[in-house]
């Protein structure tokens, strides 16, 4: 069973889809119950992956079987996880039951189709995180697009069609560029003796600088759209604002991580020279995104749109940490992916709770809600403090490591400028909280609002627990991912650099304690030598 845990976890939601097909459309309670049960079982099935995971740099729970052979194209069902993808898989299975539970009263029309879309989306997201075959990854990458398009376009707000089409076009453009790059990379692999799309063998493929540059740009653009990075972020506020609550939660907590995960899993180790070449540009765009999104969030009158722009700023921090290209920066970036999923997912749930009661998200329509809804106000405050990175909450650890890693790399001055984003996030989040929760309760419509019910509290309790657990004791999360991150740092070293040059390039003296135990493999003396050809059935 353990050999197929990843497949079982990934495709259990498909079994749920098949069950939903046989349930009458009018049985809304049964449809919701089945969807919730399937997502809960999927989460429980994923827990042995976490408990059975060994803290090392190797890929685990591997499955590698023949899948498609068509002419020169050979695709295998090749899946596995390491410390980088482990927590993203767990985050996905953890968030999905909460997302389904949040729809209990929010969605009343086409409930059957809605639940089917949520389950299909879960399979697509999990499949992308576990894929070790380039073609298989692309299939799951595209599978995610379709159900989210329908979730926004059918169950969204008044501008849902505009938001859904914009989301689809942006993502599809990036996906097509990535597909072209994948095919080109595959033929380069064939020339080197590779026989399939297996990702791990391509880490050893030596590409000339020009080829690396073009392929990196194609992958980077696709992932930058998904993150999204400035200036490719404009689809996100519309999609978040128009999507139903569960759609916004999944989009913020998981889907946006596909972009940052794509950089870590594919763009950096496949094209290390190009990654270093474009580090200043990407870091600059990340810092611009942090500052710009914070300033735009400050002037928003719609609470949901404010939270959407905060996502752009937070993910700018993630990108800055990833492109610090050192252990602390990437660790901080990975932690911040998880933190953002928990905190921003919780914020969108909170916005959904108040929208169900008042059917408005305008800040000016609220005020003094803490008097009427004390439980809601308490939870809202905790999540707000988490979002701005208060020490003791999960947001602090990730941002601290990102700024530390960036400051100790070649991105020192980028880190200095980006640190102002921490201050700005406190400004727009606390100002929004003050206007919504405090002041006079003078609006008659707010004077009759009910506090959170048992279902809504049950949704928030696991998220609040994680906020404090990850903030007070993040070590278990870091320990699992650290060996894989150290291996990634070694893989992203430019091919022409020696082991002694690498720390200096990162702005660190040789033997600096910030990179303890990081083994850097020696670079072959002759770079033009043909790479060793791996057995296509052998998993490295």
Protein backbone atom coordinates (compact mmCIF):
# COMPACT_ATOMS: atom_id res chain seq x y z
CA UNK A 1 0.00 0.00 0.00
CA UNK A 2 2.81 2.42 0.89
CA UNK A 3 4.17 2.11 -2.64
CA UNK A 4 0.95 3.57 -4.00
CA UNK A 5 0.12 6.14 -1.31
CA UNK A 6 0.74 9.08 -3.62
CA UNK A 7 -1.51 7.71 -6.35
CA UNK A 8 -4.20 6.79 -3.84
CA UNK A 9 -4.14 10.27 -2.32
CA UNK A 10 -4.16 11.97 -5.72
CA UNK A 11 -6.97 9.99 -7.31
CA UNK A 12 -9.28 9.50 -4.33
CA UNK A 13 -11.13 12.72 -5.28
CA UNK A 14 -11.83 11.19 -8.70
CA UNK A 15 -13.57 8.33 -6.92
CA UNK A 16 -15.62 10.98 -5.14
CA UNK A 17 -16.55 12.50 -8.51
CA UNK A 18 -17.84 9.11 -9.67
CA UNK A 19 -19.94 8.81 -6.50
CA UNK A 20 -21.40 12.29 -7.00
CA UNK A 21 -22.50 11.40 -10.53
CA UNK A 22 -24.98 8.86 -9.10
CA UNK A 23 -26.51 11.22 -6.53
CA UNK A 24 -29.64 13.15 -7.56
CA UNK A 25 -29.08 16.84 -8.24
CA UNK A 26 -31.72 17.87 -5.68
CA UNK A 27 -30.07 16.02 -2.81
CA UNK A 28 -27.87 18.99 -1.88
CA UNK A 29 -27.15 17.84 1.65
CA UNK A 30 -26.00 14.42 0.45
CA UNK A 31 -23.83 15.99 -2.27
CA UNK A 32 -22.13 18.24 0.25
CA UNK A 33 -21.70 15.39 2.74
CA UNK A 34 -20.12 13.06 0.18
CA UNK A 35 -17.73 15.76 -1.06
CA UNK A 36 -16.72 16.59 2.50
CA UNK A 37 -16.24 12.91 3.38
CA UNK A 38 -14.07 12.34 0.32
CA UNK A 39 -11.81 15.31 1.10
CA UNK A 40 -11.51 14.26 4.77
CA UNK A 41 -10.60 10.70 3.77
CA UNK A 42 -8.07 12.07 1.29
CA UNK A 43 -6.47 14.11 4.08
CA UNK A 44 -6.34 11.09 6.38
CA UNK A 45 -4.81 8.94 3.63
CA UNK A 46 -2.14 11.61 3.07
CA UNK A 47 -1.03 11.57 6.72
CA UNK A 48 0.99 8.31 6.37
CA UNK A 49 2.97 10.12 3.65
CA UNK A 50 3.97 12.68 6.27
CA UNK A 51 4.66 10.21 9.06
CA UNK A 52 6.52 7.80 6.76
CA UNK A 53 8.65 10.47 5.12
CA UNK A 54 12.37 10.19 5.90
CA UNK A 55 14.25 13.48 6.37
CA UNK A 56 16.71 13.18 3.51
CA UNK A 57 17.23 14.77 0.11
CA UNK A 58 15.96 11.83 -1.95
CA UNK A 59 12.60 11.43 -3.61
CA UNK A 60 10.35 8.99 -1.77
CA UNK A 61 7.10 7.03 -2.32
CA UNK A 62 8.24 6.59 -5.92
CA UNK A 63 6.09 5.08 -8.66
CA UNK A 64 7.47 4.78 -12.18
CA UNK A 65 5.57 2.76 -14.77
CA UNK A 66 5.15 2.98 -18.56
CA UNK A 67 2.31 5.23 -19.68
CA UNK A 68 2.41 6.52 -23.28
CA UNK A 69 4.77 5.72 -26.15
CA UNK A 70 4.12 7.56 -29.42
CA UNK A 71 7.01 7.74 -31.87
CA UNK A 72 9.92 9.56 -30.25
CA UNK A 73 7.74 10.64 -27.33
CA UNK A 74 7.86 8.33 -24.31
CA UNK A 75 5.92 9.40 -21.23
CA UNK A 76 5.92 7.50 -17.96
CA UNK A 77 3.68 7.70 -14.92
CA UNK A 78 6.57 8.84 -12.73
CA UNK A 79 5.66 10.35 -9.35
CA UNK A 80 7.39 10.96 -6.04
CA UNK A 81 7.94 13.61 -3.40
CA UNK A 82 10.85 15.15 -1.55
CA UNK A 83 10.93 17.64 1.33
CA UNK A 84 10.02 20.48 -1.02
CA UNK A 85 6.79 18.96 -2.32
CA UNK A 86 5.83 17.07 0.86
CA UNK A 87 4.33 20.03 2.73
CA UNK A 88 2.54 21.33 -0.35
CA UNK A 89 0.79 17.97 -0.73
CA UNK A 90 -0.22 18.03 2.94
CA UNK A 91 -1.35 21.67 2.67
CA UNK A 92 -3.59 20.74 -0.27
CA UNK A 93 -5.29 17.83 1.47
CA UNK A 94 -5.64 19.93 4.65
CA UNK A 95 -7.26 22.95 2.98
CA UNK A 96 -9.76 21.07 0.80
CA UNK A 97 -12.12 19.83 3.58
CA UNK A 98 -12.21 23.37 5.01
CA UNK A 99 -13.01 24.77 1.55
CA UNK A 100 -15.85 22.28 1.07
CA UNK A 101 -17.21 23.00 4.55
CA UNK A 102 -17.22 26.73 3.79
CA UNK A 103 -19.66 26.17 0.90
CA UNK A 104 -22.36 24.62 3.11
CA UNK A 105 -24.68 27.61 2.86
CA UNK A 106 -22.76 29.82 0.43
CA UNK A 107 -23.57 27.80 -2.72
CA UNK A 108 -27.17 26.79 -3.37
CA UNK A 109 -27.27 26.48 -7.16
CA UNK A 110 -25.69 23.68 -9.17
CA UNK A 111 -24.28 22.14 -5.98
CA UNK A 112 -23.50 18.86 -7.72
CA UNK A 113 -21.41 20.48 -10.43
CA UNK A 114 -19.69 22.70 -7.87
CA UNK A 115 -18.56 19.77 -5.75
CA UNK A 116 -17.37 17.89 -8.82
CA UNK A 117 -15.25 20.89 -9.82
CA UNK A 118 -13.71 21.09 -6.34
CA UNK A 119 -12.76 17.40 -6.36
CA UNK A 120 -11.33 17.55 -9.89
CA UNK A 121 -9.32 20.58 -8.85
CA UNK A 122 -7.87 18.71 -5.88
CA UNK A 123 -6.65 15.88 -8.10
CA UNK A 124 -5.07 18.34 -10.51
CA UNK A 125 -3.23 20.19 -7.76
CA UNK A 126 -1.95 17.04 -6.05
CA UNK A 127 -0.85 15.58 -9.38
CA UNK A 128 1.20 18.65 -10.23
CA UNK A 129 3.03 18.51 -6.89
CA UNK A 130 4.00 14.83 -7.19
CA UNK A 131 4.86 14.62 -10.92
CA UNK A 132 8.43 13.67 -11.80
CA UNK A 133 7.70 13.40 -15.51
CA UNK A 134 7.68 16.70 -17.41
CA UNK A 135 4.76 15.74 -19.61
CA UNK A 136 2.74 14.37 -16.69
CA UNK A 137 3.34 17.64 -14.82
CA UNK A 138 2.05 19.59 -17.80
CA UNK A 139 -1.11 17.46 -17.96
CA UNK A 140 -1.92 18.13 -14.30
CA UNK A 141 -0.96 21.80 -14.71
CA UNK A 142 -3.64 22.13 -17.39
CA UNK A 143 -6.19 19.99 -15.51
CA UNK A 144 -6.17 22.58 -12.71
CA UNK A 145 -7.13 25.35 -15.09
CA UNK A 146 -10.48 23.94 -16.22
CA UNK A 147 -12.37 23.45 -12.90
CA UNK A 148 -11.15 26.79 -11.54
CA UNK A 149 -12.35 28.50 -14.73
CA UNK A 150 -15.83 27.06 -14.16
CA UNK A 151 -15.81 27.82 -10.42
CA UNK A 152 -15.16 31.50 -11.16
CA UNK A 153 -17.31 31.70 -14.30
CA UNK A 154 -20.43 29.94 -12.95
CA UNK A 155 -20.51 30.64 -9.22
CA UNK A 156 -18.68 33.97 -9.15
CA UNK A 157 -19.89 37.54 -8.68
CA UNK A 158 -21.37 40.02 -11.11
CA UNK A 159 -18.19 40.30 -13.25
CA UNK A 160 -17.52 36.57 -13.14
CA UNK A 161 -17.25 36.03 -16.91
CA UNK A 162 -14.68 38.79 -17.30
CA UNK A 163 -12.63 37.45 -14.38
CA UNK A 164 -12.83 33.82 -15.56
CA UNK A 165 -11.83 34.62 -19.14
CA UNK A 166 -8.96 36.83 -17.99
CA UNK A 167 -7.74 34.08 -15.66
CA UNK A 168 -7.98 31.52 -18.46
CA UNK A 169 -6.18 33.63 -21.09
CA UNK A 170 -3.31 34.66 -18.83
CA UNK A 171 -2.70 31.12 -17.61
CA UNK A 172 -3.08 29.52 -21.03
CA UNK A 173 -0.58 31.86 -22.68
CA UNK A 174 2.04 30.93 -20.12
CA UNK A 175 1.16 27.24 -20.39
CA UNK A 176 1.62 27.18 -24.17
CA UNK A 177 5.05 28.77 -23.90
CA UNK A 178 6.01 26.20 -21.30
CA UNK A 179 4.77 23.38 -23.56
CA UNK A 180 6.97 24.57 -26.41
CA UNK A 181 9.93 24.74 -24.04
CA UNK A 182 9.17 21.23 -22.72
CA UNK A 183 9.16 19.76 -26.22
CA UNK A 184 12.38 21.54 -27.15
CA UNK A 185 14.02 20.38 -23.92
CA UNK A 186 12.88 16.82 -24.62
CA UNK A 187 14.57 16.78 -28.03
CA UNK A 188 17.73 18.11 -26.41
CA UNK A 189 17.44 15.17 -24.04
CA UNK A 190 17.04 12.74 -26.94
CA UNK A 191 20.28 14.10 -28.43
CA UNK A 192 21.98 13.39 -25.10
CA UNK A 193 20.66 9.83 -25.02
CA UNK A 194 17.61 10.25 -22.79
CA UNK A 195 14.57 8.19 -23.71
CA UNK A 196 11.65 9.73 -21.80
CA UNK A 197 10.35 12.87 -20.07
CA UNK A 198 11.71 11.86 -16.63
CA UNK A 199 12.56 15.06 -14.77
CA UNK A 200 15.48 13.86 -12.67
CA UNK A 201 17.69 12.93 -15.62
CA UNK A 202 17.29 16.41 -17.10
CA UNK A 203 18.99 17.89 -14.03
CA UNK A 204 22.24 16.45 -15.48
CA UNK A 205 21.67 17.81 -18.99
CA UNK A 206 24.29 20.39 -19.99
CA UNK A 207 22.82 23.19 -22.09
CA UNK A 208 24.65 26.08 -23.69
CA UNK A 209 23.97 29.56 -22.19
CA UNK A 210 21.75 30.76 -25.05
CA UNK A 211 19.54 27.67 -24.89
CA UNK A 212 19.29 27.93 -21.12
CA UNK A 213 18.28 31.56 -21.42
CA UNK A 214 15.39 30.97 -23.82
CA UNK A 215 14.11 27.88 -22.00
CA UNK A 216 14.35 29.61 -18.63
CA UNK A 217 12.39 32.58 -19.95
CA UNK A 218 9.61 30.31 -21.24
CA UNK A 219 9.31 28.44 -17.93
CA UNK A 220 9.76 31.62 -15.88
CA UNK A 221 6.98 33.45 -17.73
CA UNK A 222 4.52 30.59 -17.20
CA UNK A 223 5.35 30.42 -13.50
CA UNK A 224 5.42 34.22 -13.09
CA UNK A 225 1.85 34.42 -14.38
CA UNK A 226 0.77 31.78 -11.89
CA UNK A 227 2.52 33.33 -8.86
CA UNK A 228 1.59 36.07 -10.02
CA UNK A 229 4.50 38.50 -10.23
CA UNK A 230 4.36 42.16 -11.12
CA UNK A 231 3.44 43.17 -13.85
CA UNK A 232 1.60 39.92 -14.71
CA UNK A 233 -0.58 40.06 -11.60
CA UNK A 234 -3.64 41.89 -12.93
CA UNK A 235 -5.75 38.75 -13.35
CA UNK A 236 -5.50 37.87 -9.65
CA UNK A 237 -7.52 40.66 -7.95
CA UNK A 238 -10.36 40.13 -10.42
CA UNK A 239 -10.31 36.35 -9.99
CA UNK A 240 -10.19 36.60 -6.18
CA UNK A 241 -12.91 39.22 -5.98
CA UNK A 242 -15.35 37.40 -8.26
CA UNK A 243 -14.68 33.82 -7.14
CA UNK A 244 -16.90 32.23 -4.47
CA UNK A 245 -15.34 31.84 -1.04
CA UNK A 246 -14.04 28.29 -1.55
CA UNK A 247 -12.58 29.28 -4.93
CA UNK A 248 -10.72 32.20 -3.38
CA UNK A 249 -9.43 30.04 -0.54
CA UNK A 250 -8.09 27.36 -2.90
CA UNK A 251 -6.69 29.94 -5.30
CA UNK A 252 -4.77 31.72 -2.52
CA UNK A 253 -3.79 28.72 -0.42
CA UNK A 254 -2.72 26.28 -3.14
CA UNK A 255 -3.02 27.35 -6.77
CA UNK A 256 -0.73 30.37 -6.49
CA UNK A 257 1.93 28.08 -5.01
CA UNK A 258 2.11 26.28 -8.34
CA UNK A 259 4.08 29.22 -9.70
CA UNK A 260 6.58 29.46 -6.86
CA UNK A 261 6.86 25.64 -6.72
CA UNK A 262 7.52 25.64 -10.48
CA UNK A 263 10.56 27.85 -10.01
CA UNK A 264 11.94 25.69 -7.21
CA UNK A 265 11.26 22.32 -8.84
CA UNK A 266 11.93 23.12 -12.51
CA UNK A 267 13.33 26.52 -13.48
CA UNK A 268 16.20 26.73 -10.97
CA UNK A 269 17.71 23.21 -11.16
CA UNK A 270 17.13 22.78 -14.91
CA UNK A 271 18.63 26.13 -15.92
CA UNK A 272 21.02 27.22 -13.14
CA UNK A 273 23.17 29.57 -15.26
CA UNK A 274 20.14 31.41 -16.59
CA UNK A 275 18.60 31.56 -13.12
CA UNK A 276 21.67 33.37 -11.80
CA UNK A 277 21.74 35.65 -14.83
CA UNK A 278 18.15 36.74 -14.31
CA UNK A 279 18.24 36.89 -10.50
CA UNK A 280 18.59 40.72 -10.35
CA UNK A 281 15.65 41.19 -12.74
CA UNK A 282 13.35 38.77 -10.91
CA UNK A 283 14.34 40.17 -7.52
CA UNK A 284 13.60 43.67 -8.79
CA UNK A 285 10.15 42.64 -10.03
CA UNK A 286 9.51 40.87 -6.71
CA UNK A 287 10.38 43.98 -4.69
CA UNK A 288 8.29 46.19 -6.97
CA UNK A 289 5.41 43.78 -6.47
CA UNK A 290 5.81 43.93 -2.69
CA UNK A 291 5.73 47.73 -2.53
CA UNK A 292 3.23 48.31 -5.34
CA UNK A 293 0.71 45.73 -4.09
CA UNK A 294 0.94 47.10 -0.56
CA UNK A 295 0.27 50.66 -1.73
CA UNK A 296 -2.66 49.57 -3.91
CA UNK A 297 -4.08 47.46 -1.05
CA UNK A 298 -4.00 50.53 1.15
CA UNK A 299 -6.57 52.38 -0.98
CA UNK A 300 -8.98 49.49 -1.55
CA UNK A 301 -12.57 49.89 -0.35
CA UNK A 302 -13.42 46.20 -0.95
CA UNK A 303 -12.10 43.94 1.82
CA UNK A 304 -11.69 40.97 -0.54
CA UNK A 305 -9.75 42.97 -3.11
CA UNK A 306 -7.50 44.28 -0.33
CA UNK A 307 -6.70 40.71 0.72
CA UNK A 308 -6.11 39.81 -2.95
CA UNK A 309 -3.47 42.53 -3.32
CA UNK A 310 -1.89 41.41 -0.06
CA UNK A 311 -1.37 38.03 -1.76
CA UNK A 312 0.67 39.70 -4.50
CA UNK A 313 2.88 41.34 -1.86
CA UNK A 314 3.36 38.16 0.17
CA UNK A 315 4.27 36.11 -2.88
CA UNK A 316 6.74 38.82 -3.85
CA UNK A 317 8.51 37.96 -0.60
CA UNK A 318 8.45 34.27 -1.54
CA UNK A 319 10.10 35.02 -4.90
CA UNK A 320 12.74 37.18 -3.24
CA UNK A 321 13.61 34.33 -0.88
CA UNK A 322 13.71 31.72 -3.63
CA UNK A 323 16.07 33.81 -5.77
CA UNK A 324 18.40 34.49 -2.86
CA UNK A 325 19.58 31.03 -3.96
CA UNK A 326 20.83 30.10 -0.52
CA UNK A 327 19.51 27.77 2.16
CA UNK A 328 17.93 30.39 4.40
CA UNK A 329 16.24 32.26 1.56
CA UNK A 330 14.71 29.20 -0.07
CA UNK A 331 13.70 27.75 3.32
CA UNK A 332 12.00 31.04 4.14
CA UNK A 333 10.31 31.04 0.75
CA UNK A 334 9.00 27.51 1.23
CA UNK A 335 7.78 28.30 4.74
CA UNK A 336 6.12 31.46 3.50
CA UNK A 337 4.26 29.43 0.86
CA UNK A 338 2.75 27.37 3.66
CA UNK A 339 2.16 30.41 5.86
CA UNK A 340 0.45 32.30 3.09
CA UNK A 341 -1.78 29.30 2.39
CA UNK A 342 -2.89 29.19 6.02
CA UNK A 343 -3.18 32.92 6.79
CA UNK A 344 -4.56 34.24 3.50
CA UNK A 345 -6.85 31.25 3.16
CA UNK A 346 -8.18 32.12 6.60
CA UNK A 347 -8.65 35.76 5.59
CA UNK A 348 -10.73 34.80 2.58
CA UNK A 349 -12.85 32.53 4.78
CA UNK A 350 -13.43 35.45 7.17
CA UNK A 351 -14.44 37.70 4.28
CA UNK A 352 -16.81 34.96 3.12
CA UNK A 353 -18.43 34.69 6.55
CA UNK A 354 -19.22 38.39 6.69
CA UNK A 355 -20.34 38.50 3.06
CA UNK A 356 -22.89 35.73 3.68
CA UNK A 357 -24.42 37.87 6.41
CA UNK A 358 -24.32 41.32 4.79
CA UNK A 359 -23.90 40.65 1.03
CA UNK A 360 -21.41 43.47 0.82
CA UNK A 361 -17.63 43.68 1.16
CA UNK A 362 -17.25 47.46 1.26
CA UNK A 363 -15.31 48.63 4.28
CA UNK A 364 -17.54 51.69 4.61
CA UNK A 365 -20.58 49.44 5.15
CA UNK A 366 -19.10 48.09 8.37
CA UNK A 367 -17.81 49.51 11.62
CA UNK A 368 -18.16 48.45 15.24
CA UNK A 369 -18.64 44.76 14.42
CA UNK A 370 -16.55 43.69 17.42
CA UNK A 371 -19.44 44.70 19.69
CA UNK A 372 -21.88 42.50 17.80
CA UNK A 373 -19.54 39.63 16.82
CA UNK A 374 -16.84 39.17 19.52
CA UNK A 375 -15.79 35.65 18.44
CA UNK A 376 -15.51 36.80 14.83
CA UNK A 377 -13.47 39.84 15.95
CA UNK A 378 -11.05 37.70 17.98
CA UNK A 379 -10.39 35.26 15.14
CA UNK A 380 -10.12 38.10 12.63
CA UNK A 381 -7.51 39.84 14.81
CA UNK A 382 -5.38 36.69 15.18
CA UNK A 383 -5.38 36.05 11.44
CA UNK A 384 -4.63 39.72 10.70
CA UNK A 385 -1.62 39.67 13.03
CA UNK A 386 -0.47 36.45 11.37
CA UNK A 387 -0.73 38.06 7.94
CA UNK A 388 1.47 41.00 8.94
CA UNK A 389 4.08 38.70 10.48
CA UNK A 390 3.77 39.30 14.21
CA UNK A 391 6.44 37.31 16.13
CA UNK A 392 4.86 34.19 17.58
CA UNK A 393 2.69 33.67 14.50
CA UNK A 394 3.56 31.74 11.36
CA UNK A 395 4.04 34.81 9.16
CA UNK A 396 7.05 36.04 11.13
CA UNK A 397 9.29 32.99 10.65
CA UNK A 398 9.01 32.88 6.87
CA UNK A 399 9.54 36.61 6.33
CA UNK A 400 12.48 36.68 8.74
CA UNK A 401 14.29 33.84 6.93
CA UNK A 402 13.56 35.41 3.54
CA UNK A 403 15.03 38.76 4.56
CA UNK A 404 17.96 37.04 6.28
CA UNK A 405 18.74 34.89 3.24
CA UNK A 406 18.37 37.80 0.84
CA UNK A 407 20.55 40.07 2.99
CA UNK A 408 23.32 37.45 3.08
CA UNK A 409 23.20 36.93 -0.68
CA UNK A 410 23.85 39.24 -3.60
CA UNK A 411 20.36 40.70 -3.01
CA UNK A 412 21.29 42.71 0.09
CA UNK A 413 19.88 46.02 -1.11
CA UNK A 414 16.77 44.36 -2.49
CA UNK A 415 16.16 42.97 1.02
CA UNK A 416 16.55 46.44 2.53
CA UNK A 417 13.90 47.89 0.21
CA UNK A 418 11.61 44.86 0.59
CA UNK A 419 11.63 45.19 4.38
CA UNK A 420 9.49 48.31 3.99
CA UNK A 421 6.76 45.97 2.71
CA UNK A 422 6.50 44.52 6.23
CA UNK A 423 5.65 47.95 7.57
CA UNK A 424 3.21 48.68 4.76
CA UNK A 425 1.41 45.37 5.32
CA UNK A 426 0.85 46.34 8.94
CA UNK A 427 -0.55 49.69 7.80
CA UNK A 428 -3.16 48.40 5.35
CA UNK A 429 -4.18 45.34 7.37
CA UNK A 430 -4.55 47.08 10.73
CA UNK A 431 -6.24 50.10 9.19
CA UNK A 432 -8.75 47.81 7.48
CA UNK A 433 -9.32 45.89 10.73
CA UNK A 434 -9.85 49.10 12.66
CA UNK A 435 -12.47 50.42 10.23
CA UNK A 436 -14.37 47.12 10.06
CA UNK A 437 -14.28 46.02 13.68
CA UNK A 438 -14.11 49.20 15.78
CA UNK A 439 -15.89 52.52 15.90
CA UNK A 440 -19.62 53.09 16.34
CA UNK A 441 -22.10 50.33 15.53
CA UNK A 442 -24.42 52.83 13.86
CA UNK A 443 -25.52 50.87 10.77
CA UNK A 444 -28.90 49.19 11.55
CA UNK A 445 -28.02 46.25 9.27
CA UNK A 446 -24.93 45.51 11.35
CA UNK A 447 -26.83 45.64 14.65
CA UNK A 448 -28.62 42.36 13.94
CA UNK A 449 -25.65 40.32 12.72
CA UNK A 450 -25.09 36.94 14.34
CA UNK A 451 -21.69 35.78 15.53
CA UNK A 452 -19.91 32.77 14.04
CA UNK A 453 -21.79 29.48 14.34
CA UNK A 454 -20.33 26.10 15.29
CA UNK A 455 -19.56 25.13 11.67
CA UNK A 456 -17.66 28.36 11.01
CA UNK A 457 -15.70 28.08 14.25
CA UNK A 458 -14.83 24.47 13.39
CA UNK A 459 -13.44 25.67 10.05
CA UNK A 460 -11.23 28.29 11.68
CA UNK A 461 -9.88 26.32 14.66
CA UNK A 462 -7.43 24.14 12.63
CA UNK A 463 -6.12 27.24 10.84
CA UNK A 464 -5.65 29.13 14.12
CA UNK A 465 -3.82 26.14 15.58
CA UNK A 466 -1.42 26.07 12.64
CA UNK A 467 -0.82 29.81 12.89
CA UNK A 468 0.56 29.37 16.41
CA UNK A 469 2.25 25.98 15.92
CA UNK A 470 4.19 27.17 12.87
CA UNK A 471 4.98 30.46 14.58
CA UNK A 472 6.20 29.06 17.89
CA UNK A 473 7.81 25.79 16.74
CA UNK A 474 8.55 25.74 12.98
CA UNK A 475 11.42 23.26 13.30
CA UNK A 476 9.43 20.12 12.34
CA UNK A 477 8.45 21.80 9.09
CA UNK A 478 12.00 22.97 8.37
CA UNK A 479 13.61 19.60 9.24
CA UNK A 480 11.61 17.76 6.60
CA UNK A 481 12.48 20.17 3.79
CA UNK A 482 16.06 21.15 4.74
CA UNK A 483 17.98 18.27 3.04
CA UNK A 484 16.06 18.76 -0.22
CA UNK A 485 16.69 22.52 -0.10
CA UNK A 486 20.41 22.05 0.48
CA UNK A 487 20.50 19.70 -2.51
CA UNK A 488 18.64 22.31 -4.57
CA UNK A 489 21.15 25.02 -3.59
CA UNK A 490 23.95 22.76 -4.81
CA UNK A 491 22.09 22.06 -8.06
CA UNK A 492 21.57 25.75 -8.77
CA UNK A 493 25.28 26.53 -8.69
CA UNK A 494 26.35 27.81 -12.13
CA UNK A 495 28.23 25.09 -14.00
CA UNK A 496 31.35 27.20 -14.50
CA UNK A 497 31.87 27.98 -10.82
CA UNK A 498 34.01 26.13 -8.37
CA UNK A 499 32.88 25.05 -4.94
CA UNK A 500 34.90 27.86 -3.37
CA UNK A 501 33.45 30.52 -5.66
CA UNK A 502 29.83 29.73 -4.84
CA UNK A 503 29.63 31.23 -1.32
CA UNK A 504 31.42 34.35 -2.53
CA UNK A 505 28.89 34.74 -5.33
CA UNK A 506 26.12 34.63 -2.74
CA UNK A 507 27.78 37.42 -0.79
CA UNK A 508 29.06 35.04 1.92
CA UNK A 509 32.64 34.32 2.92
CA UNK A 510 33.88 30.80 2.41
CA UNK A 511 32.94 28.65 5.40
CA UNK A 512 30.25 31.10 6.54
CA UNK A 513 28.15 29.48 9.32
CA UNK A 514 24.97 30.39 7.44
CA UNK A 515 25.55 27.43 5.14
CA UNK A 516 26.41 24.62 7.56
CA UNK A 517 26.96 21.19 6.11
CA UNK A 518 26.01 22.21 2.58
CA UNK A 519 27.93 19.86 0.36
CA UNK A 520 28.72 21.30 -3.05
CA UNK A 521 29.66 18.70 -5.60
CA UNK A 522 32.77 19.31 -7.63
CA UNK A 523 32.24 20.63 -11.14
CA UNK A 524 33.62 18.46 -13.94
CA UNK A 525 36.83 19.84 -15.38
CA UNK A 526 35.49 19.70 -18.92
CA UNK A 527 32.01 21.19 -19.13
CA UNK A 528 31.52 20.13 -22.73
CA UNK A 529 31.69 16.46 -21.85
CA UNK A 530 28.56 14.55 -22.72
CA UNK A 531 26.41 13.77 -19.68
CA UNK A 532 26.07 10.25 -18.45
CA UNK A 533 22.98 8.62 -19.85
CA UNK A 534 20.66 7.32 -17.18
CA UNK A 535 18.76 4.09 -17.47
CA UNK A 536 15.21 5.27 -18.37
CA UNK A 537 13.74 2.94 -15.77
CA UNK A 538 16.14 3.97 -13.03
CA UNK A 539 14.99 6.59 -10.55
CA UNK A 540 17.80 8.65 -9.14
